[in-house]
Amino acid sequence: MLIATASTTLRRLWALNSFAYSIRVAIALSVLMAGCWSLDQMPAVVPLFLGVVACALAETDDNWRGRAQALVLTLVCFFAAACAVQLVFDEAPAFVAVLMVAAFGLTMLGAISRRYQAIAYGTLILCIYTAIGMDQRTGAGQSFWREPALLLAGASWYGLLSVLWCALFLHQPVQQTLAQLMRELELYLRLKSTLFEPVRDHNGEVRRIQLAQQSGRVVMALNQAKESIFNRVDATRSGSRMKQYLQLYFIAQDIHERASSSHLPYDQLIDAFFHSDVLFRCQRLMRVQSRACGGLARAILLRVPFVKSEEAGAALADLRASIAHLEEDRKPQWAGLLGSLNALADNLGTLDAQLAGAEHPEVQIGANDGALYDRTPRSWRDALGRVRDQFRLSSPLLRHALRLSVALALGYVLMRTIHARQGYWILLTTVFVCQPSFNATRQRMLQRVTGTFLGLTIGWALFDLFPSLPLQALFAVVAGVVFFSTRTTRYTVATASMTLVVLMCFNQIGDGGVLILPRMVDTVIGSALAGAAVFLILPDWQGRRLDALASRALGTLAIYLRALATQYRDGRHDDLAYRLARRNAHNADAALSTAMTNLLAEPGRRAEEGDRGLRFMVHSHTVLNYLSGLGAHRAPLAPGAESEALLLEAERIAARLDALSTGLARRQVAPDSPTGARPARHLAGDDATQRLVSEQLRLIEGQLPPLHQAAAALSAPR
């Protein structure tokens, strides 16, 4: 019994995102600390630890071959950066020039891919780490090669450990990203069920905004899971487990499409069936399916079989019985609504079948074409082309690169002007705090200052309570592990932990207490510089980007609608072209939702811009929901004139979305909708697929006038 309990506990710990990462970091830091202590080389522990930190910051999710290639490139960049800083350290003008060029160039390299973005970021951090080390040993007469060698040694040690770990535990990152995806779907379904609450209130639009924001988080989780799987499928084509994970990803895609679909305005459903239990039945079924997604997430993490509860089957049967009872009443006002309720029940039934298929994903292998879109550059020309495309003043990346390089130059000038002790921490703080958006920078600034003050306070207390150097070395290792396990989730705690690492390491070779006041002052100065830079230097206010993001959202909706029309003409097939059109539409919707979140946190009078953006987002997301409804029921239309008319209707609506997208891109949208727009065809024939397509197109058509008005408001002069 005790062994079984211990095994379960260990499996649960292993399933945590940060546990394996923490073990890897603990091994790396412990070996370095023990080696320096046993060889009586404690002055080397600081650059070695900083090398580990820089390499870990440059790490991305990949298979072991990709990670080994990235490690070689990372070490080359680290070596070049460290040598450059060493050469110009004593020449202020040259140092500022190198710093600005490095900050600008490395930031722009992030346009190539996430891998290059991480390597560039880690390299910029290492530049400042090198300057910190040079500042510590000024006048000590140490060799030129010592600082770069120690930084590279720490980075190489952690990099090799990371490659080995990735080769031994290839599937763990995939399990974690898939589990996170299922947790996001769990929350999405739970939020979606609140729309079926038969209550007449004024919170419906608020719930729809929350749902749109959660949909954005699902899309981010889908993208992360796709990248994690793609990086490993290429290296393990024969692995049955990876094929199962790929199929689970496709199941999650289908669940998201079905969960995000809409078949009728919810207010209309609530008004019509306020005194019926049918909406409660829908709500209960979605909540049961939400819990099933949570159970699937736990099964993936713990690597145990997923067994779907029979509760969902009973809830689905109750829903169908409730709809059948309404059909028996045959009230005239329900004639056009019962078809939508049946479509909703069919959709939830298929969603339930997808969850049931997750019990044995290997059975469904081959249901999709299995292709994933490769977004990595195919050649150096392609990579440089991506960077060249960002050289326009409207590019957020170019603005961030210019802003960061100027902020670092100003920080260096300020440091030399006030003769700050340990002043290079100002530059390091500026790099960590300065983010592309004002909202992210504001949050990071508060977290950085709070975490630093907390870490300095704890460090001061530990110096008095535990003066033993070996014990302080242990504290440094533990704090380093905490930093890496929390740096993406709890940045305040991570900052406090890294502050402890610095204090404890420097105390091994001198008096770490003298760092407390300079570190406190430098953090405040660096954070203030980053905040001022984002606010004053080419500020990238989200309100200026809304029309471009809205234009892209409309353009992807048009492409998605045309892909759906092809599916209804030729038959259902989850090929790459269709999945790419669907994913691009959801990505554009998520980008608009993220921009709105950042906009509402910006200073100044953003209420009017926020209101315009929220109105557009609600209508565009509603259109996306209706398109998802078409995607959920894809089936070939019966040959005939009516089907051709529906496909022409779909093309006409797509053309209107394209025209509106073009108008937004040019900021030339007329205040009134174009005249001559015809209502979508409404069929009452016997063909269920034709009726469904007709109804969904009618719903989309109904959103075009308010969508046009919202687009006109976005494109109006401000």
Foldseek 3Di string as FASTA:
>chain_A
DVVVVVVVVVLVLLLDPQNVVLVLLLVLLVVLLVVCVVVVNLVLSLLLVLLLVLLVQLDDQFALVVLVVLLVVLLVLQLVLLLLCLVCVVPLVSNLVSLLCLLLVQLLLPLQDVNSVSSSLSSNLSNLSSSLSCLVCVPVPDDSCSSSVSSSVSSVSSSVSVSVVCNVPVCSVLLNLLLVLLLLLLVLLLLLLVLLPLDDDDCNLVSLLVSLQSLLVSLVSLVSNLVNLVSCCVVCVPDLVSLLSLLSSVLSVLLSLLSLAAQDPSVVVSVVQVVACLSVLLSVLSNLVSVLSNQLSVCSSSVHARDRDCPNVVSLVVNVVSLVVVVVVVDPVCVLPSLSSVLNSVSSVVNVVSSVCNRPSSVCRPQAPSDDDDPRDPDVVSSVVSSVVQPDLLRLSSLLSNLLSVLLSVQSVVCVVVVFRSSSVLNSLLSQQQDSALVSNVVSLVLLLLLLLLLLVVLVVCCVVPVDLVVLSVLLSVLSSQLSSCVVPRVSSNNSSVNSNQLSSVVNVPHSNVVSVSNNVSSNNSSVSSNCSCVPRSNNQLLVCLLVLLLQLLLLLLLLLLLLLVCQAPHDHNYPSNVVSLSSNSNSLSVLSVSLVSNVPDDDPSPLSSVLSSLLSSLSSNLNNLSSSSVSDRGHDDDDDLSVLLSVLSNVLSVLSNVLSVCSVVLHQDQFDDPPDDQQDQDDDDDSNSNSSSSSSNVNVVSVGSNSNSSNSSSDDD
